[in-house]
Amino acid sequence: MIICSCDESVLDMAVDLSNKYGLLISDATHLAVIKSEGISNIATNDTDFQRLNEIDVYKPCE
């Protein structure tokens, strides 16, 4: 497991993404960290991420 940092530039990006996509700030922060680390996908059951074009979303088996 890798723990990623979240500096002021990432938080600024999160605010912009929250406004752009109407995301909760917690979801927008996840997206900002993903983008800043060059990650292109996420596994989540959170349907808010499924409407984003910025990343590929994989839904875990239920």
PDB file of N, CA and C in Angstrom:
ATOM      1  N   MET A   1       0.841  -1.168   0.000  1.00  0.00           N
ATOM      2  CA  MET A   1       0.000   0.000   0.000  1.00  0.00           C
ATOM      3  C   MET A   1       0.891   1.238   0.000  1.00  0.00           C
ATOM      4  N   ILE A   2       0.471   2.203  -0.764  1.00  0.00           N
ATOM      5  CA  ILE A   2       1.173   3.474  -0.827  1.00  0.00           C
ATOM      6  C   ILE A   2       0.237   4.553  -0.300  1.00  0.00           C
ATOM      7  N   ILE A   3       0.734   5.361   0.607  1.00  0.00           N
ATOM      8  CA  ILE A   3      -0.039   6.485   1.123  1.00  0.00           C
ATOM      9  C   ILE A   3       0.430   7.736   0.392  1.00  0.00           C
ATOM     10  N   CYS A   4      -0.504   8.400  -0.260  1.00  0.00           N
ATOM     11  CA  CYS A   4      -0.179   9.587  -1.057  1.00  0.00           C
ATOM     12  C   CYS A   4      -0.394  10.842  -0.234  1.00  0.00           C
ATOM     13  N   SER A   5       0.443  11.820  -0.482  1.00  0.00           N
ATOM     14  CA  SER A   5       0.296  13.091   0.230  1.00  0.00           C
ATOM     15  C   SER A   5      -0.769  13.955  -0.439  1.00  0.00           C
ATOM     16  N   CYS A   6      -1.229  14.906   0.317  1.00  0.00           N
ATOM     17  CA  CYS A   6      -2.273  15.808  -0.172  1.00  0.00           C
ATOM     18  C   CYS A   6      -1.869  17.222   0.217  1.00  0.00           C
ATOM     19  N   ASP A   7      -1.161  17.900  -0.695  1.00  0.00           N
ATOM     20  CA  ASP A   7      -0.696  19.247  -0.385  1.00  0.00           C
ATOM     21  C   ASP A   7      -1.720  20.289  -0.860  1.00  0.00           C
ATOM     22  N   GLU A   8      -1.359  21.544  -0.706  1.00  0.00           N
ATOM     23  CA  GLU A   8      -2.285  22.630  -1.034  1.00  0.00           C
ATOM     24  C   GLU A   8      -2.707  22.615  -2.503  1.00  0.00           C
ATOM     25  N   SER A   9      -1.798  22.269  -3.399  1.00  0.00           N
ATOM     26  CA  SER A   9      -2.157  22.239  -4.826  1.00  0.00           C
ATOM     27  C   SER A   9      -3.187  21.145  -5.113  1.00  0.00           C
ATOM     28  N   VAL A  10      -3.074  20.021  -4.425  1.00  0.00           N
ATOM     29  CA  VAL A  10      -4.051  18.941  -4.595  1.00  0.00           C
ATOM     30  C   VAL A  10      -5.406  19.376  -4.037  1.00  0.00           C
ATOM     31  N   LEU A  11      -5.390  20.048  -2.900  1.00  0.00           N
ATOM     32  CA  LEU A  11      -6.652  20.526  -2.330  1.00  0.00           C
ATOM     33  C   LEU A  11      -7.300  21.594  -3.212  1.00  0.00           C
ATOM     34  N   ASP A  12      -6.490  22.456  -3.822  1.00  0.00           N
ATOM     35  CA  ASP A  12      -7.025  23.437  -4.771  1.00  0.00           C
ATOM     36  C   ASP A  12      -7.667  22.742  -5.962  1.00  0.00           C
ATOM     37  N   MET A  13      -7.001  21.691  -6.457  1.00  0.00           N
ATOM     38  CA  MET A  13      -7.551  20.915  -7.566  1.00  0.00           C
ATOM     39  C   MET A  13      -8.864  20.254  -7.137  1.00  0.00           C
ATOM     40  N   ALA A  14      -8.929  19.781  -5.903  1.00  0.00           N
ATOM     41  CA  ALA A  14     -10.143  19.142  -5.396  1.00  0.00           C
ATOM     42  C   ALA A  14     -11.315  20.116  -5.396  1.00  0.00           C
ATOM     43  N   VAL A  15     -11.068  21.343  -4.992  1.00  0.00           N
ATOM     44  CA  VAL A  15     -12.135  22.354  -5.003  1.00  0.00           C
ATOM     45  C   VAL A  15     -12.614  22.587  -6.429  1.00  0.00           C
ATOM     46  N   ASP A  16     -11.688  22.707  -7.361  1.00  0.00           N
ATOM     47  CA  ASP A  16     -12.052  22.906  -8.770  1.00  0.00           C
ATOM     48  C   ASP A  16     -12.860  21.719  -9.300  1.00  0.00           C
ATOM     49  N   LEU A  17     -12.422  20.497  -8.981  1.00  0.00           N
ATOM     50  CA  LEU A  17     -13.126  19.294  -9.447  1.00  0.00           C
ATOM     51  C   LEU A  17     -14.503  19.171  -8.803  1.00  0.00           C
ATOM     52  N   SER A  18     -14.601  19.559  -7.541  1.00  0.00           N
ATOM     53  CA  SER A  18     -15.889  19.534  -6.854  1.00  0.00           C
ATOM     54  C   SER A  18     -16.875  20.470  -7.543  1.00  0.00           C
ATOM     55  N   ASN A  19     -16.409  21.662  -7.886  1.00  0.00           N
ATOM     56  CA  ASN A  19     -17.263  22.626  -8.589  1.00  0.00           C
ATOM     57  C   ASN A  19     -17.598  22.158 -10.001  1.00  0.00           C
ATOM     58  N   LYS A  20     -16.630  21.591 -10.691  1.00  0.00           N
ATOM     59  CA  LYS A  20     -16.814  21.150 -12.080  1.00  0.00           C
ATOM     60  C   LYS A  20     -17.823  20.010 -12.186  1.00  0.00           C
ATOM     61  N   TYR A  21     -17.714  19.033 -11.283  1.00  0.00           N
ATOM     62  CA  TYR A  21     -18.532  17.821 -11.382  1.00  0.00           C
ATOM     63  C   TYR A  21     -19.639  17.730 -10.332  1.00  0.00           C
ATOM     64  N   GLY A  22     -19.712  18.680  -9.417  1.00  0.00           N
ATOM     65  CA  GLY A  22     -20.729  18.612  -8.378  1.00  0.00           C
ATOM     66  C   GLY A  22     -20.479  17.498  -7.378  1.00  0.00           C
ATOM     67  N   LEU A  23     -19.200  17.192  -7.155  1.00  0.00           N
ATOM     68  CA  LEU A  23     -18.829  16.121  -6.228  1.00  0.00           C
ATOM     69  C   LEU A  23     -18.745  16.643  -4.802  1.00  0.00           C
ATOM     70  N   LEU A  24     -18.973  15.751  -3.845  1.00  0.00           N
ATOM     71  CA  LEU A  24     -18.642  16.077  -2.464  1.00  0.00           C
ATOM     72  C   LEU A  24     -17.144  16.326  -2.397  1.00  0.00           C
ATOM     73  N   ILE A  25     -16.701  17.155  -1.476  1.00  0.00           N
ATOM     74  CA  ILE A  25     -15.282  17.490  -1.409  1.00  0.00           C
ATOM     75  C   ILE A  25     -14.437  16.252  -1.118  1.00  0.00           C
ATOM     76  N   SER A  26     -14.966  15.287  -0.386  1.00  0.00           N
ATOM     77  CA  SER A  26     -14.200  14.059  -0.123  1.00  0.00           C
ATOM     78  C   SER A  26     -13.974  13.271  -1.414  1.00  0.00           C
ATOM     79  N   ASP A  27     -15.000  13.157  -2.256  1.00  0.00           N
ATOM     80  CA  ASP A  27     -14.841  12.469  -3.542  1.00  0.00           C
ATOM     81  C   ASP A  27     -13.906  13.252  -4.462  1.00  0.00           C
ATOM     82  N   ALA A  28     -14.054  14.561  -4.456  1.00  0.00           N
ATOM     83  CA  ALA A  28     -13.195  15.404  -5.293  1.00  0.00           C
ATOM     84  C   ALA A  28     -11.736  15.309  -4.843  1.00  0.00           C
ATOM     85  N   THR A  29     -11.501  15.178  -3.552  1.00  0.00           N
ATOM     86  CA  THR A  29     -10.135  15.022  -3.049  1.00  0.00           C
ATOM     87  C   THR A  29      -9.551  13.693  -3.502  1.00  0.00           C
ATOM     88  N   HIS A  30     -10.341  12.634  -3.460  1.00  0.00           N
ATOM     89  CA  HIS A  30      -9.867  11.349  -3.991  1.00  0.00           C
ATOM     90  C   HIS A  30      -9.482  11.498  -5.460  1.00  0.00           C
ATOM     91  N   LEU A  31     -10.333  12.143  -6.239  1.00  0.00           N
ATOM     92  CA  LEU A  31     -10.055  12.338  -7.661  1.00  0.00           C
ATOM     93  C   LEU A  31      -8.807  13.183  -7.873  1.00  0.00           C
ATOM     94  N   ALA A  32      -8.640  14.231  -7.087  1.00  0.00           N
ATOM     95  CA  ALA A  32      -7.459  15.092  -7.222  1.00  0.00           C
ATOM     96  C   ALA A  32      -6.173  14.319  -6.911  1.00  0.00           C
ATOM     97  N   VAL A  33      -6.195  13.511  -5.878  1.00  0.00           N
ATOM     98  CA  VAL A  33      -5.014  12.694  -5.552  1.00  0.00           C
ATOM     99  C   VAL A  33      -4.738  11.705  -6.675  1.00  0.00           C
ATOM    100  N   ILE A  34      -5.781  11.072  -7.183  1.00  0.00           N
ATOM    101  CA  ILE A  34      -5.639  10.120  -8.291  1.00  0.00           C
ATOM    102  C   ILE A  34      -4.970  10.805  -9.484  1.00  0.00           C
ATOM    103  N   LYS A  35      -5.472  11.984  -9.848  1.00  0.00           N
ATOM    104  CA  LYS A  35      -4.911  12.706 -10.988  1.00  0.00           C
ATOM    105  C   LYS A  35      -3.472  13.139 -10.727  1.00  0.00           C
ATOM    106  N   SER A  36      -3.195  13.625  -9.533  1.00  0.00           N
ATOM    107  CA  SER A  36      -1.844  14.119  -9.236  1.00  0.00           C
ATOM    108  C   SER A  36      -0.817  12.997  -9.193  1.00  0.00           C
ATOM    109  N   GLU A  37      -1.257  11.785  -8.916  1.00  0.00           N
ATOM    110  CA  GLU A  37      -0.356  10.633  -8.873  1.00  0.00           C
ATOM    111  C   GLU A  37      -0.282   9.888 -10.202  1.00  0.00           C
ATOM    112  N   GLY A  38      -1.029  10.359 -11.203  1.00  0.00           N
ATOM    113  CA  GLY A  38      -1.004   9.723 -12.523  1.00  0.00           C
ATOM    114  C   GLY A  38      -1.752   8.402 -12.578  1.00  0.00           C
ATOM    115  N   ILE A  39      -2.673   8.215 -11.663  1.00  0.00           N
ATOM    116  CA  ILE A  39      -3.485   6.988 -11.629  1.00  0.00           C
ATOM    117  C   ILE A  39      -4.665   7.180 -12.573  1.00  0.00           C
ATOM    118  N   SER A  40      -5.012   6.154 -13.326  1.00  0.00           N
ATOM    119  CA  SER A  40      -6.054   6.311 -14.332  1.00  0.00           C
ATOM    120  C   SER A  40      -7.328   5.525 -14.031  1.00  0.00           C
ATOM    121  N   ASN A  41      -7.372   4.823 -12.897  1.00  0.00           N
ATOM    122  CA  ASN A  41      -8.576   4.052 -12.599  1.00  0.00           C
ATOM    123  C   ASN A  41      -8.813   3.959 -11.099  1.00  0.00           C
ATOM    124  N   ILE A  42     -10.053   3.582 -10.759  1.00  0.00           N
ATOM    125  CA  ILE A  42     -10.449   3.418  -9.364  1.00  0.00           C
ATOM    126  C   ILE A  42     -11.453   2.274  -9.284  1.00  0.00           C
ATOM    127  N   ALA A  43     -11.387   1.522  -8.214  1.00  0.00           N
ATOM    128  CA  ALA A  43     -12.383   0.496  -7.927  1.00  0.00           C
ATOM    129  C   ALA A  43     -13.255   1.030  -6.799  1.00  0.00           C
ATOM    130  N   THR A  44     -14.528   1.221  -7.088  1.00  0.00           N
ATOM    131  CA  THR A  44     -15.445   1.782  -6.096  1.00  0.00           C
ATOM    132  C   THR A  44     -16.886   1.447  -6.453  1.00  0.00           C
ATOM    133  N   ASN A  45     -17.721   1.393  -5.442  1.00  0.00           N
ATOM    134  CA  ASN A  45     -19.160   1.258  -5.662  1.00  0.00           C
ATOM    135  C   ASN A  45     -19.857   2.614  -5.621  1.00  0.00           C
ATOM    136  N   ASP A  46     -19.102   3.677  -5.467  1.00  0.00           N
ATOM    137  CA  ASP A  46     -19.648   5.036  -5.428  1.00  0.00           C
ATOM    138  C   ASP A  46     -20.052   5.445  -6.842  1.00  0.00           C
ATOM    139  N   THR A  47     -21.331   5.589  -7.065  1.00  0.00           N
ATOM    140  CA  THR A  47     -21.838   5.871  -8.416  1.00  0.00           C
ATOM    141  C   THR A  47     -21.458   7.263  -8.911  1.00  0.00           C
ATOM    142  N   ASP A  48     -21.072   8.173  -8.015  1.00  0.00           N
ATOM    143  CA  ASP A  48     -20.662   9.511  -8.454  1.00  0.00           C
ATOM    144  C   ASP A  48     -19.454   9.461  -9.382  1.00  0.00           C
ATOM    145  N   PHE A  49     -18.572   8.501  -9.182  1.00  0.00           N
ATOM    146  CA  PHE A  49     -17.373   8.396 -10.012  1.00  0.00           C
ATOM    147  C   PHE A  49     -17.696   7.877 -11.410  1.00  0.00           C
ATOM    148  N   GLN A  50     -18.813   7.196 -11.575  1.00  0.00           N
ATOM    149  CA  GLN A  50     -19.158   6.600 -12.870  1.00  0.00           C
ATOM    150  C   GLN A  50     -19.510   7.637 -13.925  1.00  0.00           C
ATOM    151  N   ARG A  51     -19.817   8.856 -13.501  1.00  0.00           N
ATOM    152  CA  ARG A  51     -20.165   9.895 -14.483  1.00  0.00           C
ATOM    153  C   ARG A  51     -18.967  10.741 -14.907  1.00  0.00           C
ATOM    154  N   LEU A  52     -17.780  10.375 -14.449  1.00  0.00           N
ATOM    155  CA  LEU A  52     -16.572  11.132 -14.765  1.00  0.00           C
ATOM    156  C   LEU A  52     -15.872  10.554 -15.977  1.00  0.00           C
ATOM    157  N   ASN A  53     -15.374  11.417 -16.838  1.00  0.00           N
ATOM    158  CA  ASN A  53     -14.603  10.972 -17.993  1.00  0.00           C
ATOM    159  C   ASN A  53     -13.106  10.927 -17.690  1.00  0.00           C
ATOM    160  N   GLU A  54     -12.707  11.432 -16.534  1.00  0.00           N
ATOM    161  CA  GLU A  54     -11.298  11.585 -16.197  1.00  0.00           C
ATOM    162  C   GLU A  54     -10.607  10.285 -15.809  1.00  0.00           C
ATOM    163  N   ILE A  55     -11.381   9.306 -15.337  1.00  0.00           N
ATOM    164  CA  ILE A  55     -10.802   8.038 -14.866  1.00  0.00           C
ATOM    165  C   ILE A  55     -11.685   6.878 -15.297  1.00  0.00           C
ATOM    166  N   ASP A  56     -11.096   5.692 -15.313  1.00  0.00           N
ATOM    167  CA  ASP A  56     -11.858   4.467 -15.549  1.00  0.00           C
ATOM    168  C   ASP A  56     -12.321   3.945 -14.186  1.00  0.00           C
ATOM    169  N   VAL A  57     -13.598   3.586 -14.102  1.00  0.00           N
ATOM    170  CA  VAL A  57     -14.172   3.123 -12.852  1.00  0.00           C
ATOM    171  C   VAL A  57     -14.495   1.635 -12.963  1.00  0.00           C
ATOM    172  N   TYR A  58     -14.006   0.881 -12.003  1.00  0.00           N
ATOM    173  CA  TYR A  58     -14.288  -0.542 -11.910  1.00  0.00           C
ATOM    174  C   TYR A  58     -15.127  -0.779 -10.668  1.00  0.00           C
ATOM    175  N   LYS A  59     -16.254  -1.438 -10.866  1.00  0.00           N
ATOM    176  CA  LYS A  59     -17.146  -1.709  -9.749  1.00  0.00           C
ATOM    177  C   LYS A  59     -16.822  -3.098  -9.183  1.00  0.00           C
ATOM    178  N   PRO A  60     -16.423  -3.169  -7.921  1.00  0.00           N
ATOM    179  CA  PRO A  60     -16.109  -4.466  -7.319  1.00  0.00           C
ATOM    180  C   PRO A  60     -17.324  -5.378  -7.315  1.00  0.00           C
ATOM    181  N   CYS A  61     -17.078  -6.654  -7.351  1.00  0.00           N
ATOM    182  CA  CYS A  61     -18.172  -7.626  -7.283  1.00  0.00           C
ATOM    183  C   CYS A  61     -18.899  -7.488  -5.952  1.00  0.00           C
ATOM    184  N   GLU A  62     -20.162  -7.643  -6.004  1.00  0.00           N
ATOM    185  CA  GLU A  62     -20.938  -7.513  -4.772  1.00  0.00           C
ATOM    186  C   GLU A  62     -21.155  -8.851  -4.123  1.00  0.00           C
TER     187      GLU A  62
END
